[in-house]
């Protein structure tokens, strides 16, 4: 009995490639959102840590 995977398993390679694409997209989006968050409102809750009264 041979338990090694088949060399031409299209479904397996499709799943691996899809997972790689999703992972790379998630990493790219996390970097983009970190560098350019898009919150320009001075009253945004994330800006509370920048106030001098703390």
PDB file of N, CA and C in Angstrom:
ATOM      1  N   UNK A   1       0.847  -1.176   0.000  1.00  0.00           N
ATOM      2  CA  UNK A   1       0.000   0.000   0.000  1.00  0.00           C
ATOM      3  C   UNK A   1       0.895   1.242   0.000  1.00  0.00           C
ATOM      4  N   UNK A   2       0.632   2.133  -0.925  1.00  0.00           N
ATOM      5  CA  UNK A   2       1.409   3.361  -1.054  1.00  0.00           C
ATOM      6  C   UNK A   2       0.554   4.525  -0.550  1.00  0.00           C
ATOM      7  N   UNK A   3       1.001   5.203   0.509  1.00  0.00           N
ATOM      8  CA  UNK A   3       0.217   6.279   1.117  1.00  0.00           C
ATOM      9  C   UNK A   3       0.706   7.672   0.720  1.00  0.00           C
ATOM     10  N   UNK A   4       1.620   7.766  -0.230  1.00  0.00           N
ATOM     11  CA  UNK A   4       2.121   9.076  -0.639  1.00  0.00           C
ATOM     12  C   UNK A   4       1.077   9.775  -1.516  1.00  0.00           C
ATOM     13  N   UNK A   5       1.060  11.115  -1.502  1.00  0.00           N
ATOM     14  CA  UNK A   5       0.068  11.834  -2.302  1.00  0.00           C
ATOM     15  C   UNK A   5       0.344  11.684  -3.800  1.00  0.00           C
ATOM     16  N   UNK A   6      -0.683  11.818  -4.568  1.00  0.00           N
ATOM     17  CA  UNK A   6      -0.549  11.732  -6.011  1.00  0.00           C
ATOM     18  C   UNK A   6       0.181  12.973  -6.531  1.00  0.00           C
ATOM     19  N   UNK A   7       1.039  12.838  -7.534  1.00  0.00           N
ATOM     20  CA  UNK A   7       1.815  13.986  -8.001  1.00  0.00           C
ATOM     21  C   UNK A   7       0.976  15.021  -8.763  1.00  0.00           C
ATOM     22  N   UNK A   8      -0.198  14.649  -9.247  1.00  0.00           N
ATOM     23  CA  UNK A   8      -1.013  15.573 -10.027  1.00  0.00           C
ATOM     24  C   UNK A   8      -2.366  15.815  -9.349  1.00  0.00           C
ATOM     25  N   UNK A   9      -2.317  16.085  -8.080  1.00  0.00           N
ATOM     26  CA  UNK A   9      -3.537  16.329  -7.315  1.00  0.00           C
ATOM     27  C   UNK A   9      -3.962  17.781  -7.516  1.00  0.00           C
ATOM     28  N   UNK A  10      -4.837  18.028  -8.482  1.00  0.00           N
ATOM     29  CA  UNK A  10      -5.243  19.385  -8.842  1.00  0.00           C
ATOM     30  C   UNK A  10      -6.020  20.053  -7.713  1.00  0.00           C
ATOM     31  N   UNK A  11      -6.905  19.334  -7.076  1.00  0.00           N
ATOM     32  CA  UNK A  11      -7.697  19.920  -5.991  1.00  0.00           C
ATOM     33  C   UNK A  11      -6.798  20.347  -4.828  1.00  0.00           C
ATOM     34  N   UNK A  12      -5.849  19.525  -4.478  1.00  0.00           N
ATOM     35  CA  UNK A  12      -4.932  19.865  -3.384  1.00  0.00           C
ATOM     36  C   UNK A  12      -4.111  21.100  -3.691  1.00  0.00           C
ATOM     37  N   UNK A  13      -3.566  21.169  -4.906  1.00  0.00           N
ATOM     38  CA  UNK A  13      -2.777  22.338  -5.285  1.00  0.00           C
ATOM     39  C   UNK A  13      -3.649  23.588  -5.384  1.00  0.00           C
ATOM     40  N   UNK A  14      -4.891  23.442  -5.776  1.00  0.00           N
ATOM     41  CA  UNK A  14      -5.802  24.585  -5.832  1.00  0.00           C
ATOM     42  C   UNK A  14      -6.079  25.120  -4.434  1.00  0.00           C
ATOM     43  N   UNK A  15      -6.272  24.232  -3.486  1.00  0.00           N
ATOM     44  CA  UNK A  15      -6.519  24.641  -2.099  1.00  0.00           C
ATOM     45  C   UNK A  15      -5.286  25.328  -1.517  1.00  0.00           C
ATOM     46  N   UNK A  16      -4.110  24.778  -1.782  1.00  0.00           N
ATOM     47  CA  UNK A  16      -2.868  25.379  -1.276  1.00  0.00           C
ATOM     48  C   UNK A  16      -2.650  26.747  -1.914  1.00  0.00           C
ATOM     49  N   UNK A  17      -2.859  26.863  -3.211  1.00  0.00           N
ATOM     50  CA  UNK A  17      -2.677  28.148  -3.896  1.00  0.00           C
ATOM     51  C   UNK A  17      -3.695  29.174  -3.392  1.00  0.00           C
ATOM     52  N   UNK A  18      -4.948  28.752  -3.186  1.00  0.00           N
ATOM     53  CA  UNK A  18      -5.959  29.658  -2.659  1.00  0.00           C
ATOM     54  C   UNK A  18      -5.609  30.139  -1.255  1.00  0.00           C
ATOM     55  N   UNK A  19      -5.127  29.238  -0.433  1.00  0.00           N
ATOM     56  CA  UNK A  19      -4.712  29.623   0.916  1.00  0.00           C
ATOM     57  C   UNK A  19      -3.539  30.583   0.900  1.00  0.00           C
ATOM     58  N   UNK A  20      -2.605  30.369  -0.020  1.00  0.00           N
ATOM     59  CA  UNK A  20      -1.458  31.279  -0.140  1.00  0.00           C
ATOM     60  C   UNK A  20      -1.904  32.662  -0.586  1.00  0.00           C
ATOM     61  N   UNK A  21      -2.838  32.729  -1.526  1.00  0.00           N
ATOM     62  CA  UNK A  21      -3.341  34.019  -2.001  1.00  0.00           C
ATOM     63  C   UNK A  21      -4.065  34.757  -0.879  1.00  0.00           C
ATOM     64  N   UNK A  22      -4.895  34.062  -0.141  1.00  0.00           N
ATOM     65  CA  UNK A  22      -5.632  34.690   0.970  1.00  0.00           C
ATOM     66  C   UNK A  22      -4.660  35.165   2.049  1.00  0.00           C
ATOM     67  N   UNK A  23      -3.652  34.381   2.347  1.00  0.00           N
ATOM     68  CA  UNK A  23      -2.665  34.761   3.366  1.00  0.00           C
ATOM     69  C   UNK A  23      -1.893  36.000   2.938  1.00  0.00           C
ATOM     70  N   UNK A  24      -1.436  36.025   1.688  1.00  0.00           N
ATOM     71  CA  UNK A  24      -0.698  37.188   1.198  1.00  0.00           C
ATOM     72  C   UNK A  24      -1.587  38.426   1.161  1.00  0.00           C
ATOM     73  N   UNK A  25      -2.861  38.274   0.789  1.00  0.00           N
ATOM     74  CA  UNK A  25      -3.781  39.410   0.792  1.00  0.00           C
ATOM     75  C   UNK A  25      -3.961  39.936   2.218  1.00  0.00           C
ATOM     76  N   UNK A  26      -4.123  39.038   3.188  1.00  0.00           N
ATOM     77  CA  UNK A  26      -4.336  39.461   4.577  1.00  0.00           C
ATOM     78  C   UNK A  26      -3.114  40.191   5.124  1.00  0.00           C
ATOM     79  N   UNK A  27      -1.923  39.705   4.810  1.00  0.00           N
ATOM     80  CA  UNK A  27      -0.703  40.383   5.264  1.00  0.00           C
ATOM     81  C   UNK A  27      -0.583  41.747   4.607  1.00  0.00           C
ATOM     82  N   UNK A  28      -0.846  41.810   3.305  1.00  0.00           N
ATOM     83  CA  UNK A  28      -0.787  43.089   2.596  1.00  0.00           C
ATOM     84  C   UNK A  28      -1.798  44.083   3.127  1.00  0.00           C
ATOM     85  N   UNK A  29      -3.017  43.629   3.401  1.00  0.00           N
ATOM     86  CA  UNK A  29      -4.038  44.518   3.947  1.00  0.00           C
ATOM     87  C   UNK A  29      -3.662  44.996   5.344  1.00  0.00           C
ATOM     88  N   UNK A  30      -3.083  44.131   6.160  1.00  0.00           N
ATOM     89  CA  UNK A  30      -2.681  44.534   7.515  1.00  0.00           C
ATOM     90  C   UNK A  30      -1.596  45.601   7.466  1.00  0.00           C
ATOM     91  N   UNK A  31      -0.640  45.451   6.569  1.00  0.00           N
ATOM     92  CA  UNK A  31       0.413  46.464   6.426  1.00  0.00           C
ATOM     93  C   UNK A  31      -0.184  47.771   5.918  1.00  0.00           C
ATOM     94  N   UNK A  32      -1.059  47.691   4.917  1.00  0.00           N
ATOM     95  CA  UNK A  32      -1.687  48.896   4.360  1.00  0.00           C
ATOM     96  C   UNK A  32      -2.517  49.614   5.428  1.00  0.00           C
ATOM     97  N   UNK A  33      -3.305  48.876   6.194  1.00  0.00           N
ATOM     98  CA  UNK A  33      -4.149  49.489   7.218  1.00  0.00           C
ATOM     99  C   UNK A  33      -3.317  50.075   8.360  1.00  0.00           C
ATOM    100  N   UNK A  34      -2.149  49.515   8.601  1.00  0.00           N
ATOM    101  CA  UNK A  34      -1.277  50.056   9.639  1.00  0.00           C
ATOM    102  C   UNK A  34      -0.631  51.363   9.182  1.00  0.00           C
ATOM    103  N   UNK A  35      -0.202  51.406   7.935  1.00  0.00           N
ATOM    104  CA  UNK A  35       0.482  52.596   7.438  1.00  0.00           C
ATOM    105  C   UNK A  35      -0.478  53.714   7.054  1.00  0.00           C
ATOM    106  N   UNK A  36      -1.660  53.389   6.576  1.00  0.00           N
ATOM    107  CA  UNK A  36      -2.639  54.390   6.152  1.00  0.00           C
ATOM    108  C   UNK A  36      -4.012  54.032   6.731  1.00  0.00           C
ATOM    109  N   UNK A  37      -4.238  54.319   8.003  1.00  0.00           N
ATOM    110  CA  UNK A  37      -5.492  53.902   8.624  1.00  0.00           C
ATOM    111  C   UNK A  37      -6.715  54.658   8.100  1.00  0.00           C
ATOM    112  N   UNK A  38      -6.555  55.907   7.658  1.00  0.00           N
ATOM    113  CA  UNK A  38      -7.663  56.634   7.070  1.00  0.00           C
ATOM    114  C   UNK A  38      -8.521  57.409   8.054  1.00  0.00           C
ATOM    115  N   UNK A  39      -8.184  57.425   9.316  1.00  0.00           N
ATOM    116  CA  UNK A  39      -8.966  58.200  10.278  1.00  0.00           C
ATOM    117  C   UNK A  39      -8.353  59.593  10.407  1.00  0.00           C
ATOM    118  N   UNK A  40      -9.002  60.577   9.801  1.00  0.00           N
ATOM    119  CA  UNK A  40      -8.497  61.947   9.845  1.00  0.00           C
ATOM    120  C   UNK A  40      -9.260  62.819  10.829  1.00  0.00           C
ATOM    121  N   UNK A  41     -10.318  62.305  11.400  1.00  0.00           N
ATOM    122  CA  UNK A  41     -11.149  63.077  12.318  1.00  0.00           C
ATOM    123  C   UNK A  41     -10.398  63.311  13.624  1.00  0.00           C
ATOM    124  N   UNK A  42     -10.233  64.574  14.047  1.00  0.00           N
ATOM    125  CA  UNK A  42      -9.521  64.841  15.301  1.00  0.00           C
ATOM    126  C   UNK A  42     -10.241  64.285  16.525  1.00  0.00           C
ATOM    127  N   UNK A  43     -11.545  64.017  16.432  1.00  0.00           N
ATOM    128  CA  UNK A  43     -12.285  63.483  17.561  1.00  0.00           C
ATOM    129  C   UNK A  43     -12.363  61.961  17.572  1.00  0.00           C
ATOM    130  N   UNK A  44     -11.625  61.324  16.698  1.00  0.00           N
ATOM    131  CA  UNK A  44     -11.656  59.861  16.630  1.00  0.00           C
ATOM    132  C   UNK A  44     -11.094  59.267  17.921  1.00  0.00           C
ATOM    133  N   UNK A  45     -11.697  58.198  18.440  1.00  0.00           N
ATOM    134  CA  UNK A  45     -11.239  57.613  19.705  1.00  0.00           C
ATOM    135  C   UNK A  45      -9.769  57.183  19.708  1.00  0.00           C
ATOM    136  N   UNK A  46      -9.219  56.849  18.567  1.00  0.00           N
ATOM    137  CA  UNK A  46      -7.812  56.448  18.532  1.00  0.00           C
ATOM    138  C   UNK A  46      -6.878  57.610  18.846  1.00  0.00           C
ATOM    139  N   UNK A  47      -7.366  58.814  18.704  1.00  0.00           N
ATOM    140  CA  UNK A  47      -6.524  59.985  18.958  1.00  0.00           C
ATOM    141  C   UNK A  47      -6.537  60.410  20.428  1.00  0.00           C
ATOM    142  N   UNK A  48      -7.314  59.748  21.260  1.00  0.00           N
ATOM    143  CA  UNK A  48      -7.363  60.107  22.683  1.00  0.00           C
ATOM    144  C   UNK A  48      -6.022  59.912  23.368  1.00  0.00           C
ATOM    145  N   UNK A  49      -5.216  58.989  22.908  1.00  0.00           N
ATOM    146  CA  UNK A  49      -3.919  58.748  23.552  1.00  0.00           C
ATOM    147  C   UNK A  49      -2.931  59.873  23.264  1.00  0.00           C
ATOM    148  N   UNK A  50      -3.239  60.737  22.301  1.00  0.00           N
ATOM    149  CA  UNK A  50      -2.324  61.816  21.945  1.00  0.00           C
ATOM    150  C   UNK A  50      -2.588  63.097  22.728  1.00  0.00           C
ATOM    151  N   UNK A  51      -3.629  63.129  23.537  1.00  0.00           N
ATOM    152  CA  UNK A  51      -3.943  64.337  24.310  1.00  0.00           C
ATOM    153  C   UNK A  51      -2.927  64.537  25.421  1.00  0.00           C
ATOM    154  N   UNK A  52      -2.674  65.822  25.744  1.00  0.00           N
ATOM    155  CA  UNK A  52      -1.680  66.163  26.754  1.00  0.00           C
ATOM    156  C   UNK A  52      -2.141  65.922  28.179  1.00  0.00           C
ATOM    157  N   UNK A  53      -3.440  65.757  28.423  1.00  0.00           N
ATOM    158  CA  UNK A  53      -3.942  65.616  29.776  1.00  0.00           C
ATOM    159  C   UNK A  53      -3.698  64.223  30.352  1.00  0.00           C
ATOM    160  N   UNK A  54      -3.072  63.362  29.678  1.00  0.00           N
ATOM    161  CA  UNK A  54      -2.817  62.004  30.194  1.00  0.00           C
ATOM    162  C   UNK A  54      -1.492  61.900  30.847  1.00  0.00           C
TER     163      UNK A  54
END
